[in-house]
Amino acid sequence: MSEPVKGPASYFPSIEKKYGRPIAEWQDLIRASALGRHMELVAWLKTEHGLGHGHANALVKHTLSEG
């Protein structure tokens, strides 16, 4: 039996289902953005792409932690 997913990645299945894009596509958008600060990216995802705060925050946190 595998360990349950924890942290920001635990949001990924619901993000893909609700917004219809794979996580890799969201991460590509975040990496391609000229914005660099966490909360700037969260605000951008919310205003430009209609994500909720928790989903946007999880995507940005996970993407930025990868380097």
N, C-alpha and C. Protein backbone atom coordinates (compact mmCIF):
# COMPACT_ATOMS: atom_id res chain seq x y z
N MET A 1 0.84 -1.18 0.00
CA MET A 1 0.00 0.00 0.00
C MET A 1 0.88 1.24 0.00
N SER A 2 0.56 2.21 -0.83
CA SER A 2 1.40 3.41 -0.92
C SER A 2 0.96 4.44 0.11
N GLU A 3 1.91 5.31 0.42
CA GLU A 3 1.65 6.39 1.37
C GLU A 3 0.68 7.40 0.74
N PRO A 4 -0.22 7.98 1.51
CA PRO A 4 -1.08 9.02 0.95
C PRO A 4 -0.26 10.26 0.59
N VAL A 5 -0.66 10.93 -0.46
CA VAL A 5 0.04 12.15 -0.89
C VAL A 5 -0.26 13.24 0.12
N LYS A 6 0.80 13.96 0.52
CA LYS A 6 0.65 15.04 1.49
C LYS A 6 1.17 16.34 0.90
N GLY A 7 0.89 17.44 1.57
CA GLY A 7 1.38 18.74 1.14
C GLY A 7 0.65 19.25 -0.10
N PRO A 8 1.29 20.18 -0.82
CA PRO A 8 0.65 20.80 -1.98
C PRO A 8 0.18 19.80 -3.03
N ALA A 9 0.93 18.72 -3.21
CA ALA A 9 0.57 17.74 -4.24
C ALA A 9 -0.75 17.06 -3.95
N SER A 10 -1.22 17.11 -2.71
CA SER A 10 -2.51 16.48 -2.39
C SER A 10 -3.67 17.19 -3.10
N TYR A 11 -3.45 18.42 -3.54
CA TYR A 11 -4.47 19.18 -4.27
C TYR A 11 -4.51 18.83 -5.76
N PHE A 12 -3.49 18.19 -6.27
CA PHE A 12 -3.34 18.02 -7.72
C PHE A 12 -4.51 17.30 -8.39
N PRO A 13 -5.02 16.20 -7.85
CA PRO A 13 -6.15 15.56 -8.54
C PRO A 13 -7.37 16.48 -8.68
N SER A 14 -7.67 17.24 -7.64
CA SER A 14 -8.83 18.13 -7.73
C SER A 14 -8.56 19.32 -8.65
N ILE A 15 -7.32 19.78 -8.72
CA ILE A 15 -6.97 20.87 -9.64
C ILE A 15 -7.17 20.40 -11.08
N GLU A 16 -6.65 19.22 -11.39
CA GLU A 16 -6.80 18.70 -12.76
C GLU A 16 -8.27 18.50 -13.11
N LYS A 17 -9.04 17.99 -12.19
CA LYS A 17 -10.46 17.73 -12.45
C LYS A 17 -11.24 19.04 -12.62
N LYS A 18 -11.00 20.00 -11.75
CA LYS A 18 -11.78 21.24 -11.77
C LYS A 18 -11.42 22.15 -12.94
N TYR A 19 -10.12 22.24 -13.28
CA TYR A 19 -9.69 23.21 -14.29
C TYR A 19 -9.33 22.59 -15.63
N GLY A 20 -9.30 21.26 -15.71
CA GLY A 20 -9.14 20.57 -16.98
C GLY A 20 -7.77 20.62 -17.61
N ARG A 21 -6.76 20.94 -16.85
CA ARG A 21 -5.39 20.96 -17.36
C ARG A 21 -4.52 20.08 -16.48
N PRO A 22 -3.55 19.39 -17.09
CA PRO A 22 -2.63 18.60 -16.27
C PRO A 22 -1.71 19.50 -15.44
N ILE A 23 -1.23 19.00 -14.34
CA ILE A 23 -0.36 19.77 -13.44
C ILE A 23 0.88 20.25 -14.17
N ALA A 24 1.44 19.42 -15.04
CA ALA A 24 2.64 19.82 -15.77
C ALA A 24 2.39 21.09 -16.59
N GLU A 25 1.20 21.23 -17.13
CA GLU A 25 0.88 22.44 -17.91
C GLU A 25 0.81 23.67 -17.01
N TRP A 26 0.21 23.52 -15.84
CA TRP A 26 0.18 24.64 -14.88
C TRP A 26 1.60 25.02 -14.46
N GLN A 27 2.43 24.01 -14.22
CA GLN A 27 3.81 24.29 -13.82
C GLN A 27 4.58 24.98 -14.94
N ASP A 28 4.35 24.60 -16.17
CA ASP A 28 5.00 25.27 -17.30
C ASP A 28 4.58 26.74 -17.36
N LEU A 29 3.29 27.01 -17.13
CA LEU A 29 2.82 28.40 -17.13
C LEU A 29 3.49 29.21 -16.02
N ILE A 30 3.60 28.62 -14.85
CA ILE A 30 4.23 29.31 -13.71
C ILE A 30 5.70 29.60 -14.02
N ARG A 31 6.41 28.60 -14.54
CA ARG A 31 7.83 28.79 -14.86
C ARG A 31 8.04 29.80 -15.97
N ALA A 32 7.12 29.90 -16.91
CA ALA A 32 7.25 30.82 -18.04
C ALA A 32 6.86 32.25 -17.67
N SER A 33 6.19 32.42 -16.55
CA SER A 33 5.74 33.75 -16.14
C SER A 33 6.94 34.64 -15.81
N ALA A 34 6.80 35.91 -16.11
CA ALA A 34 7.83 36.88 -15.76
C ALA A 34 7.81 37.19 -14.26
N LEU A 35 6.76 36.76 -13.58
CA LEU A 35 6.65 36.99 -12.14
C LEU A 35 7.53 36.01 -11.40
N GLY A 36 8.04 36.41 -10.25
CA GLY A 36 8.93 35.53 -9.53
C GLY A 36 8.57 35.31 -8.07
N ARG A 37 7.78 36.21 -7.52
CA ARG A 37 7.44 36.10 -6.10
C ARG A 37 6.20 35.22 -5.93
N HIS A 38 6.21 34.47 -4.85
CA HIS A 38 5.15 33.51 -4.58
C HIS A 38 3.75 34.14 -4.69
N MET A 39 3.50 35.17 -3.93
CA MET A 39 2.15 35.75 -3.90
C MET A 39 1.79 36.45 -5.21
N GLU A 40 2.77 36.95 -5.95
CA GLU A 40 2.48 37.51 -7.27
C GLU A 40 1.97 36.42 -8.20
N LEU A 41 2.61 35.27 -8.14
CA LEU A 41 2.19 34.15 -8.98
C LEU A 41 0.81 33.64 -8.57
N VAL A 42 0.55 33.57 -7.28
CA VAL A 42 -0.76 33.14 -6.79
C VAL A 42 -1.84 34.10 -7.30
N ALA A 43 -1.61 35.39 -7.15
CA ALA A 43 -2.58 36.40 -7.60
C ALA A 43 -2.81 36.29 -9.11
N TRP A 44 -1.74 36.07 -9.87
CA TRP A 44 -1.84 35.94 -11.33
C TRP A 44 -2.68 34.73 -11.71
N LEU A 45 -2.44 33.60 -11.06
CA LEU A 45 -3.24 32.41 -11.36
C LEU A 45 -4.71 32.63 -11.03
N LYS A 46 -4.97 33.35 -9.97
CA LYS A 46 -6.35 33.63 -9.56
C LYS A 46 -7.04 34.56 -10.55
N THR A 47 -6.38 35.65 -10.92
CA THR A 47 -7.02 36.64 -11.77
C THR A 47 -7.04 36.25 -13.25
N GLU A 48 -5.94 35.71 -13.74
CA GLU A 48 -5.84 35.40 -15.16
C GLU A 48 -6.39 34.03 -15.54
N HIS A 49 -6.39 33.10 -14.59
CA HIS A 49 -6.79 31.73 -14.91
C HIS A 49 -7.95 31.21 -14.07
N GLY A 50 -8.45 32.03 -13.15
CA GLY A 50 -9.64 31.68 -12.39
C GLY A 50 -9.47 30.61 -11.32
N LEU A 51 -8.24 30.37 -10.89
CA LEU A 51 -8.02 29.37 -9.85
C LEU A 51 -8.42 29.93 -8.49
N GLY A 52 -8.83 29.05 -7.60
CA GLY A 52 -9.08 29.43 -6.22
C GLY A 52 -7.75 29.63 -5.51
N HIS A 53 -7.78 30.30 -4.38
CA HIS A 53 -6.55 30.63 -3.67
C HIS A 53 -5.77 29.38 -3.26
N GLY A 54 -6.44 28.40 -2.68
CA GLY A 54 -5.75 27.20 -2.22
C GLY A 54 -5.09 26.43 -3.35
N HIS A 55 -5.79 26.32 -4.46
CA HIS A 55 -5.23 25.61 -5.62
C HIS A 55 -4.04 26.37 -6.19
N ALA A 56 -4.18 27.68 -6.35
CA ALA A 56 -3.08 28.49 -6.88
C ALA A 56 -1.87 28.41 -5.95
N ASN A 57 -2.11 28.53 -4.67
CA ASN A 57 -1.03 28.48 -3.69
C ASN A 57 -0.30 27.14 -3.73
N ALA A 58 -1.04 26.05 -3.82
CA ALA A 58 -0.44 24.72 -3.86
C ALA A 58 0.42 24.55 -5.11
N LEU A 59 -0.07 25.00 -6.26
CA LEU A 59 0.70 24.89 -7.50
C LEU A 59 2.00 25.70 -7.42
N VAL A 60 1.90 26.92 -6.94
CA VAL A 60 3.08 27.79 -6.88
C VAL A 60 4.08 27.23 -5.87
N LYS A 61 3.61 26.84 -4.71
CA LYS A 61 4.52 26.32 -3.68
C LYS A 61 5.26 25.10 -4.19
N HIS A 62 4.55 24.17 -4.79
CA HIS A 62 5.18 22.95 -5.29
C HIS A 62 6.15 23.25 -6.43
N THR A 63 5.75 24.12 -7.34
CA THR A 63 6.59 24.44 -8.51
C THR A 63 7.85 25.16 -8.07
N LEU A 64 7.74 26.15 -7.19
CA LEU A 64 8.92 26.89 -6.75
C LEU A 64 9.86 26.03 -5.89
N SER A 65 9.30 25.07 -5.19
CA SER A 65 10.16 24.22 -4.36
C SER A 65 11.00 23.25 -5.19
N GLU A 66 10.58 23.02 -6.44
CA GLU A 66 11.34 22.16 -7.33
C GLU A 66 12.58 22.84 -7.89
N GLY A 67 12.59 24.16 -7.80
CA GLY A 67 13.76 24.89 -8.27
C GLY A 67 13.69 25.38 -9.67
